[in-house]
């Protein structure tokens, strides 16, 4: 007679084998293999179109290195962490950093290149008034750390809040391979 525990053990081994073979390999999770676009969660009516417009506004501000326009896409109490782990709290502090430090150091042509290469990996709706956007871009803002690759891949993670002024970034985390 097979007990419930015995049956569970009998099923566990084949299920683990299936999970291992069905799971993406470590190689498939490497830097250059990006999953297809996905939307997770349920969006409020019209939210997907609003976020698409928000992403277009973000790209426009980044491409033109417009610190005021980019800062305006953030909440007043935003937190922004860049790939060097510099953290800024507040839209005004972020705008000052973008205007006085970051954009003067950035080649405008590279900002345009990065914008043209920006892709959205996912939008994850968390309720009706929050979403997480995961984007990436490839650009020539410094060398890639991967041998044989000339472009550096940068991932952008935005936590958005639906405010009376529209969708705004409440938190940003930027990561790349350095």
C-alpha atoms as a PDB file:
ATOM      1  CA  UNK A   1       0.000   0.000   0.000  1.00  0.00           C
ATOM      2  CA  UNK A   2       1.354   3.417  -0.981  1.00  0.00           C
ATOM      3  CA  UNK A   3       0.915   6.178   1.546  1.00  0.00           C
ATOM      4  CA  UNK A   4       0.352   9.816   0.644  1.00  0.00           C
ATOM      5  CA  UNK A   5       3.942  10.568   1.670  1.00  0.00           C
ATOM      6  CA  UNK A   6       5.202   7.667  -0.451  1.00  0.00           C
ATOM      7  CA  UNK A   7       3.237   8.871  -3.469  1.00  0.00           C
ATOM      8  CA  UNK A   8       4.562  12.367  -2.955  1.00  0.00           C
ATOM      9  CA  UNK A   9       8.131  11.028  -2.906  1.00  0.00           C
ATOM     10  CA  UNK A  10       7.484   9.019  -6.070  1.00  0.00           C
ATOM     11  CA  UNK A  11       6.225  12.122  -7.837  1.00  0.00           C
ATOM     12  CA  UNK A  12       8.871  14.429  -6.423  1.00  0.00           C
ATOM     13  CA  UNK A  13      11.837  12.969  -8.330  1.00  0.00           C
ATOM     14  CA  UNK A  14      10.229  13.118 -11.798  1.00  0.00           C
ATOM     15  CA  UNK A  15       8.850  16.585 -11.072  1.00  0.00           C
ATOM     16  CA  UNK A  16      12.274  17.823  -9.990  1.00  0.00           C
ATOM     17  CA  UNK A  17      13.810  16.376 -13.140  1.00  0.00           C
ATOM     18  CA  UNK A  18      11.142  18.105 -15.216  1.00  0.00           C
ATOM     19  CA  UNK A  19      11.708  21.390 -13.392  1.00  0.00           C
ATOM     20  CA  UNK A  20      15.443  21.219 -14.012  1.00  0.00           C
ATOM     21  CA  UNK A  21      15.029  20.466 -17.703  1.00  0.00           C
ATOM     22  CA  UNK A  22      12.220  23.018 -18.166  1.00  0.00           C
ATOM     23  CA  UNK A  23      13.997  25.800 -16.266  1.00  0.00           C
ATOM     24  CA  UNK A  24      16.113  28.170 -18.326  1.00  0.00           C
ATOM     25  CA  UNK A  25      19.757  27.176 -18.272  1.00  0.00           C
ATOM     26  CA  UNK A  26      22.286  29.417 -16.641  1.00  0.00           C
ATOM     27  CA  UNK A  27      23.460  30.250 -20.148  1.00  0.00           C
ATOM     28  CA  UNK A  28      19.971  31.354 -21.125  1.00  0.00           C
ATOM     29  CA  UNK A  29      20.019  33.835 -18.273  1.00  0.00           C
ATOM     30  CA  UNK A  30      23.183  35.491 -19.499  1.00  0.00           C
ATOM     31  CA  UNK A  31      23.414  39.174 -20.144  1.00  0.00           C
ATOM     32  CA  UNK A  32      22.448  39.265 -23.816  1.00  0.00           C
ATOM     33  CA  UNK A  33      19.438  36.973 -23.699  1.00  0.00           C
ATOM     34  CA  UNK A  34      16.461  39.166 -22.898  1.00  0.00           C
ATOM     35  CA  UNK A  35      12.998  37.653 -22.526  1.00  0.00           C
ATOM     36  CA  UNK A  36      10.172  38.845 -24.738  1.00  0.00           C
ATOM     37  CA  UNK A  37       7.958  41.702 -23.617  1.00  0.00           C
ATOM     38  CA  UNK A  38       5.362  40.811 -20.991  1.00  0.00           C
ATOM     39  CA  UNK A  39       2.655  42.555 -19.009  1.00  0.00           C
ATOM     40  CA  UNK A  40       1.887  41.201 -15.556  1.00  0.00           C
ATOM     41  CA  UNK A  41      -1.115  41.969 -13.386  1.00  0.00           C
ATOM     42  CA  UNK A  42      -4.275  43.734 -14.361  1.00  0.00           C
ATOM     43  CA  UNK A  43      -4.127  47.308 -15.516  1.00  0.00           C
ATOM     44  CA  UNK A  44      -6.833  49.844 -14.843  1.00  0.00           C
ATOM     45  CA  UNK A  45      -8.712  50.860 -18.008  1.00  0.00           C
ATOM     46  CA  UNK A  46      -6.443  53.066 -20.120  1.00  0.00           C
ATOM     47  CA  UNK A  47      -3.359  52.492 -17.940  1.00  0.00           C
ATOM     48  CA  UNK A  48      -1.362  50.606 -20.578  1.00  0.00           C
ATOM     49  CA  UNK A  49      -1.784  53.432 -23.097  1.00  0.00           C
ATOM     50  CA  UNK A  50      -0.898  56.003 -20.419  1.00  0.00           C
ATOM     51  CA  UNK A  51       2.280  54.108 -19.534  1.00  0.00           C
ATOM     52  CA  UNK A  52       3.213  53.782 -23.210  1.00  0.00           C
ATOM     53  CA  UNK A  53       2.905  57.582 -23.466  1.00  0.00           C
ATOM     54  CA  UNK A  54       4.943  57.949 -20.266  1.00  0.00           C
ATOM     55  CA  UNK A  55       7.724  55.773 -21.730  1.00  0.00           C
ATOM     56  CA  UNK A  56       7.733  57.931 -24.882  1.00  0.00           C
ATOM     57  CA  UNK A  57       8.069  61.049 -22.703  1.00  0.00           C
ATOM     58  CA  UNK A  58      10.924  59.442 -20.763  1.00  0.00           C
ATOM     59  CA  UNK A  59      12.741  58.536 -23.983  1.00  0.00           C
ATOM     60  CA  UNK A  60      12.296  62.056 -25.346  1.00  0.00           C
ATOM     61  CA  UNK A  61      13.678  63.668 -22.175  1.00  0.00           C
ATOM     62  CA  UNK A  62      16.613  61.225 -22.019  1.00  0.00           C
ATOM     63  CA  UNK A  63      17.449  61.627 -25.708  1.00  0.00           C
ATOM     64  CA  UNK A  64      17.498  65.420 -25.482  1.00  0.00           C
ATOM     65  CA  UNK A  65      19.226  65.410 -22.064  1.00  0.00           C
ATOM     66  CA  UNK A  66      16.438  67.646 -20.746  1.00  0.00           C
ATOM     67  CA  UNK A  67      16.987  67.558 -16.975  1.00  0.00           C
ATOM     68  CA  UNK A  68      13.822  69.547 -16.179  1.00  0.00           C
ATOM     69  CA  UNK A  69      11.596  67.339 -18.349  1.00  0.00           C
ATOM     70  CA  UNK A  70      13.145  64.153 -16.957  1.00  0.00           C
ATOM     71  CA  UNK A  71      12.816  65.343 -13.362  1.00  0.00           C
ATOM     72  CA  UNK A  72       9.168  66.306 -14.009  1.00  0.00           C
ATOM     73  CA  UNK A  73       8.472  62.618 -14.744  1.00  0.00           C
ATOM     74  CA  UNK A  74       9.324  61.826 -11.099  1.00  0.00           C
ATOM     75  CA  UNK A  75       7.338  62.236  -7.885  1.00  0.00           C
ATOM     76  CA  UNK A  76       8.466  65.052  -5.556  1.00  0.00           C
ATOM     77  CA  UNK A  77       9.833  62.439  -3.097  1.00  0.00           C
ATOM     78  CA  UNK A  78      11.392  60.145  -5.708  1.00  0.00           C
ATOM     79  CA  UNK A  79      14.390  57.979  -4.946  1.00  0.00           C
ATOM     80  CA  UNK A  80      16.891  57.452  -7.757  1.00  0.00           C
ATOM     81  CA  UNK A  81      19.844  55.063  -7.575  1.00  0.00           C
ATOM     82  CA  UNK A  82      22.244  54.921 -10.488  1.00  0.00           C
ATOM     83  CA  UNK A  83      24.660  52.198 -11.559  1.00  0.00           C
ATOM     84  CA  UNK A  84      27.375  53.705  -9.353  1.00  0.00           C
ATOM     85  CA  UNK A  85      25.070  53.436  -6.314  1.00  0.00           C
ATOM     86  CA  UNK A  86      24.679  57.203  -6.099  1.00  0.00           C
ATOM     87  CA  UNK A  87      21.325  57.868  -4.491  1.00  0.00           C
ATOM     88  CA  UNK A  88      19.220  60.969  -4.746  1.00  0.00           C
ATOM     89  CA  UNK A  89      16.029  61.623  -2.857  1.00  0.00           C
ATOM     90  CA  UNK A  90      13.675  64.246  -4.167  1.00  0.00           C
ATOM     91  CA  UNK A  91      12.879  65.540  -7.612  1.00  0.00           C
ATOM     92  CA  UNK A  92      14.788  68.812  -7.062  1.00  0.00           C
ATOM     93  CA  UNK A  93      17.996  67.026  -6.018  1.00  0.00           C
ATOM     94  CA  UNK A  94      17.652  64.702  -9.005  1.00  0.00           C
ATOM     95  CA  UNK A  95      17.167  67.571 -11.421  1.00  0.00           C
ATOM     96  CA  UNK A  96      20.253  69.332 -10.043  1.00  0.00           C
ATOM     97  CA  UNK A  97      22.332  66.170 -10.456  1.00  0.00           C
ATOM     98  CA  UNK A  98      21.077  65.558 -13.998  1.00  0.00           C
ATOM     99  CA  UNK A  99      21.602  69.182 -15.068  1.00  0.00           C
ATOM    100  CA  UNK A 100      24.898  69.943 -13.322  1.00  0.00           C
ATOM    101  CA  UNK A 101      26.707  66.624 -13.200  1.00  0.00           C
ATOM    102  CA  UNK A 102      25.305  63.773 -15.276  1.00  0.00           C
ATOM    103  CA  UNK A 103      24.284  65.308 -18.583  1.00  0.00           C
ATOM    104  CA  UNK A 104      27.355  67.569 -18.911  1.00  0.00           C
ATOM    105  CA  UNK A 105      29.455  64.382 -18.716  1.00  0.00           C
ATOM    106  CA  UNK A 106      27.287  62.505 -21.235  1.00  0.00           C
ATOM    107  CA  UNK A 107      27.926  62.659 -24.956  1.00  0.00           C
ATOM    108  CA  UNK A 108      24.566  63.772 -26.443  1.00  0.00           C
ATOM    109  CA  UNK A 109      25.011  61.339 -29.341  1.00  0.00           C
ATOM    110  CA  UNK A 110      25.234  58.429 -26.890  1.00  0.00           C
ATOM    111  CA  UNK A 111      22.016  59.532 -25.168  1.00  0.00           C
ATOM    112  CA  UNK A 112      20.315  59.479 -28.577  1.00  0.00           C
ATOM    113  CA  UNK A 113      21.810  56.034 -29.305  1.00  0.00           C
ATOM    114  CA  UNK A 114      20.629  54.703 -25.940  1.00  0.00           C
ATOM    115  CA  UNK A 115      17.132  56.023 -26.563  1.00  0.00           C
ATOM    116  CA  UNK A 116      16.958  54.410 -29.992  1.00  0.00           C
ATOM    117  CA  UNK A 117      18.029  51.100 -28.407  1.00  0.00           C
ATOM    118  CA  UNK A 118      15.682  51.267 -25.379  1.00  0.00           C
ATOM    119  CA  UNK A 119      13.348  48.295 -25.094  1.00  0.00           C
ATOM    120  CA  UNK A 120      10.707  47.550 -22.510  1.00  0.00           C
ATOM    121  CA  UNK A 121      11.063  44.055 -21.054  1.00  0.00           C
ATOM    122  CA  UNK A 122       8.039  44.147 -18.787  1.00  0.00           C
ATOM    123  CA  UNK A 123       5.345  46.196 -17.157  1.00  0.00           C
ATOM    124  CA  UNK A 124       4.043  44.799 -13.890  1.00  0.00           C
ATOM    125  CA  UNK A 125       0.845  46.348 -12.567  1.00  0.00           C
ATOM    126  CA  UNK A 126       0.530  46.324  -8.802  1.00  0.00           C
ATOM    127  CA  UNK A 127      -3.068  47.246  -8.161  1.00  0.00           C
ATOM    128  CA  UNK A 128      -4.549  50.081 -10.182  1.00  0.00           C
ATOM    129  CA  UNK A 129      -2.237  52.882  -9.081  1.00  0.00           C
ATOM    130  CA  UNK A 130       1.266  51.404  -9.200  1.00  0.00           C
ATOM    131  CA  UNK A 131       3.421  49.669 -11.799  1.00  0.00           C
ATOM    132  CA  UNK A 132       6.992  48.517 -12.265  1.00  0.00           C
ATOM    133  CA  UNK A 133       8.655  49.023 -15.637  1.00  0.00           C
ATOM    134  CA  UNK A 134      11.802  47.091 -16.596  1.00  0.00           C
ATOM    135  CA  UNK A 135      13.647  48.468 -19.613  1.00  0.00           C
ATOM    136  CA  UNK A 136      17.121  48.053 -21.032  1.00  0.00           C
ATOM    137  CA  UNK A 137      19.339  49.738 -23.547  1.00  0.00           C
ATOM    138  CA  UNK A 138      22.657  49.105 -25.244  1.00  0.00           C
ATOM    139  CA  UNK A 139      25.019  52.016 -25.688  1.00  0.00           C
ATOM    140  CA  UNK A 140      28.596  53.173 -25.894  1.00  0.00           C
ATOM    141  CA  UNK A 141      28.793  55.014 -22.596  1.00  0.00           C
ATOM    142  CA  UNK A 142      31.935  53.234 -21.506  1.00  0.00           C
ATOM    143  CA  UNK A 143      33.282  49.831 -22.376  1.00  0.00           C
ATOM    144  CA  UNK A 144      31.341  46.638 -21.892  1.00  0.00           C
ATOM    145  CA  UNK A 145      32.904  44.353 -19.329  1.00  0.00           C
ATOM    146  CA  UNK A 146      32.128  41.361 -21.535  1.00  0.00           C
ATOM    147  CA  UNK A 147      34.896  40.399 -23.936  1.00  0.00           C
ATOM    148  CA  UNK A 148      33.983  40.847 -27.571  1.00  0.00           C
ATOM    149  CA  UNK A 149      31.082  43.232 -26.889  1.00  0.00           C
ATOM    150  CA  UNK A 150      31.468  46.884 -27.665  1.00  0.00           C
ATOM    151  CA  UNK A 151      28.157  48.107 -26.209  1.00  0.00           C
ATOM    152  CA  UNK A 152      27.308  48.259 -22.526  1.00  0.00           C
ATOM    153  CA  UNK A 153      23.878  46.960 -21.543  1.00  0.00           C
ATOM    154  CA  UNK A 154      22.067  49.016 -18.932  1.00  0.00           C
ATOM    155  CA  UNK A 155      18.849  47.982 -17.186  1.00  0.00           C
ATOM    156  CA  UNK A 156      16.382  50.582 -15.913  1.00  0.00           C
ATOM    157  CA  UNK A 157      13.813  49.714 -13.273  1.00  0.00           C
ATOM    158  CA  UNK A 158      11.071  52.223 -12.509  1.00  0.00           C
ATOM    159  CA  UNK A 159       8.409  52.019  -9.828  1.00  0.00           C
ATOM    160  CA  UNK A 160       5.575  54.218 -11.046  1.00  0.00           C
ATOM    161  CA  UNK A 161       2.712  55.762  -9.099  1.00  0.00           C
ATOM    162  CA  UNK A 162      -0.473  56.983 -10.740  1.00  0.00           C
ATOM    163  CA  UNK A 163      -0.697  60.548  -9.414  1.00  0.00           C
ATOM    164  CA  UNK A 164      -3.119  63.402 -10.172  1.00  0.00           C
ATOM    165  CA  UNK A 165      -0.453  64.599 -12.657  1.00  0.00           C
ATOM    166  CA  UNK A 166      -0.308  61.194 -14.369  1.00  0.00           C
ATOM    167  CA  UNK A 167       2.133  58.315 -13.998  1.00  0.00           C
ATOM    168  CA  UNK A 168       5.325  59.394 -12.230  1.00  0.00           C
ATOM    169  CA  UNK A 169       8.481  57.574 -11.178  1.00  0.00           C
ATOM    170  CA  UNK A 170       8.611  57.090  -7.405  1.00  0.00           C
ATOM    171  CA  UNK A 171      11.775  54.972  -7.474  1.00  0.00           C
ATOM    172  CA  UNK A 172      14.505  54.249 -10.036  1.00  0.00           C
ATOM    173  CA  UNK A 173      17.242  51.635  -9.946  1.00  0.00           C
ATOM    174  CA  UNK A 174      19.783  51.526 -12.760  1.00  0.00           C
ATOM    175  CA  UNK A 175      22.117  48.564 -13.254  1.00  0.00           C
ATOM    176  CA  UNK A 176      24.750  47.648 -15.777  1.00  0.00           C
ATOM    177  CA  UNK A 177      27.792  45.458 -16.117  1.00  0.00           C
ATOM    178  CA  UNK A 178      30.881  47.413 -15.109  1.00  0.00           C
END
